[in-house]
Amino acid sequence: MDPIQFKSRGQVIKGNVFYPKELKEKKPAVLFIHGWTSGQDRNFPYAEKICELGYVCMTFDLRGHGISEGKLETLTTEDFLNDVISAYDYLAKFKNIDKENITIVGSSFGSYLGAILTSKRNISNLVLRVPAYIPDEGFYLPHINFATKPEIVEWRSKELSPEALLPLRSVRNFEGKILIVESENDILIPHQTILNYINAVTNKNRLTYVLMNGATHSISRDPIRIKKYGEILKEWFKTVVS
């Protein structure tokens, strides 16, 4: 694991890169995007597992999170998307990766950002664990105004067409393979939100859906589910992506 840093709108973002044992040829890459008020360290065990399959993996802290610069309460959703774009561009410049084979692995708010990223950059495949979203009108406002507000959670229980939201439109137009992982006991992401993402996938042959029984929204303090999610990811990368 090697530490890295780059800038997003003048502020420093810090991350880490995990390399497979062999780098004799260009390798596929994975960019991990953590969730709201989470951090890159929660993706370390998953990055380590995927590295075993020969992928270069990169984690990073969004601004206002972890060890990156920025004040959480002032940053807009657009700011965070810019962080993700900057991270992708940084990764894409690596000499030892295959720029035509970059997969995004997002969690919660990170899934939302990853979904939108597919409309901005060349993404091969997409993983959405407990994917969140907010109304499009909140995109240019501080994200803290929307994150986990009860009214937003209630709104997420509504059926929405793929045309209704930016991340759903992005998923509808995405042509790569998609893994969607739902937590059975998630009180922040209703089942309807998951269905809205699933319904946005145009070609269901490209979709893999997994329900994690007994899991809550965050699994960071649940060793059993951490291990399970790692196994889900590794198996998907082995049988679907590789």
Foldseek 3Di string as FASTA:
>chain_A
DAKDWDDFPRWIKIKDKDAAPDQPAAFAEEEEFEDDQDAQVLCVVLQVLVNPVGYIYMTIGFDCHDPTHDPLQFDFLLSRLSVVVRVLVVVCPDPRHDNQHYEYAYAASRLLSVLLVLVVGRYAEYEYELYYDFAPVRRGGRCVVARQDPVRQVVLQDADALVRHNSLVSQLPHDHAYEYEYEPAESRHDVNNVVNNCNSHNDCVRYDYYYDYPDYRDCSVPVVVSVVVSVVVSVCCVPPPD
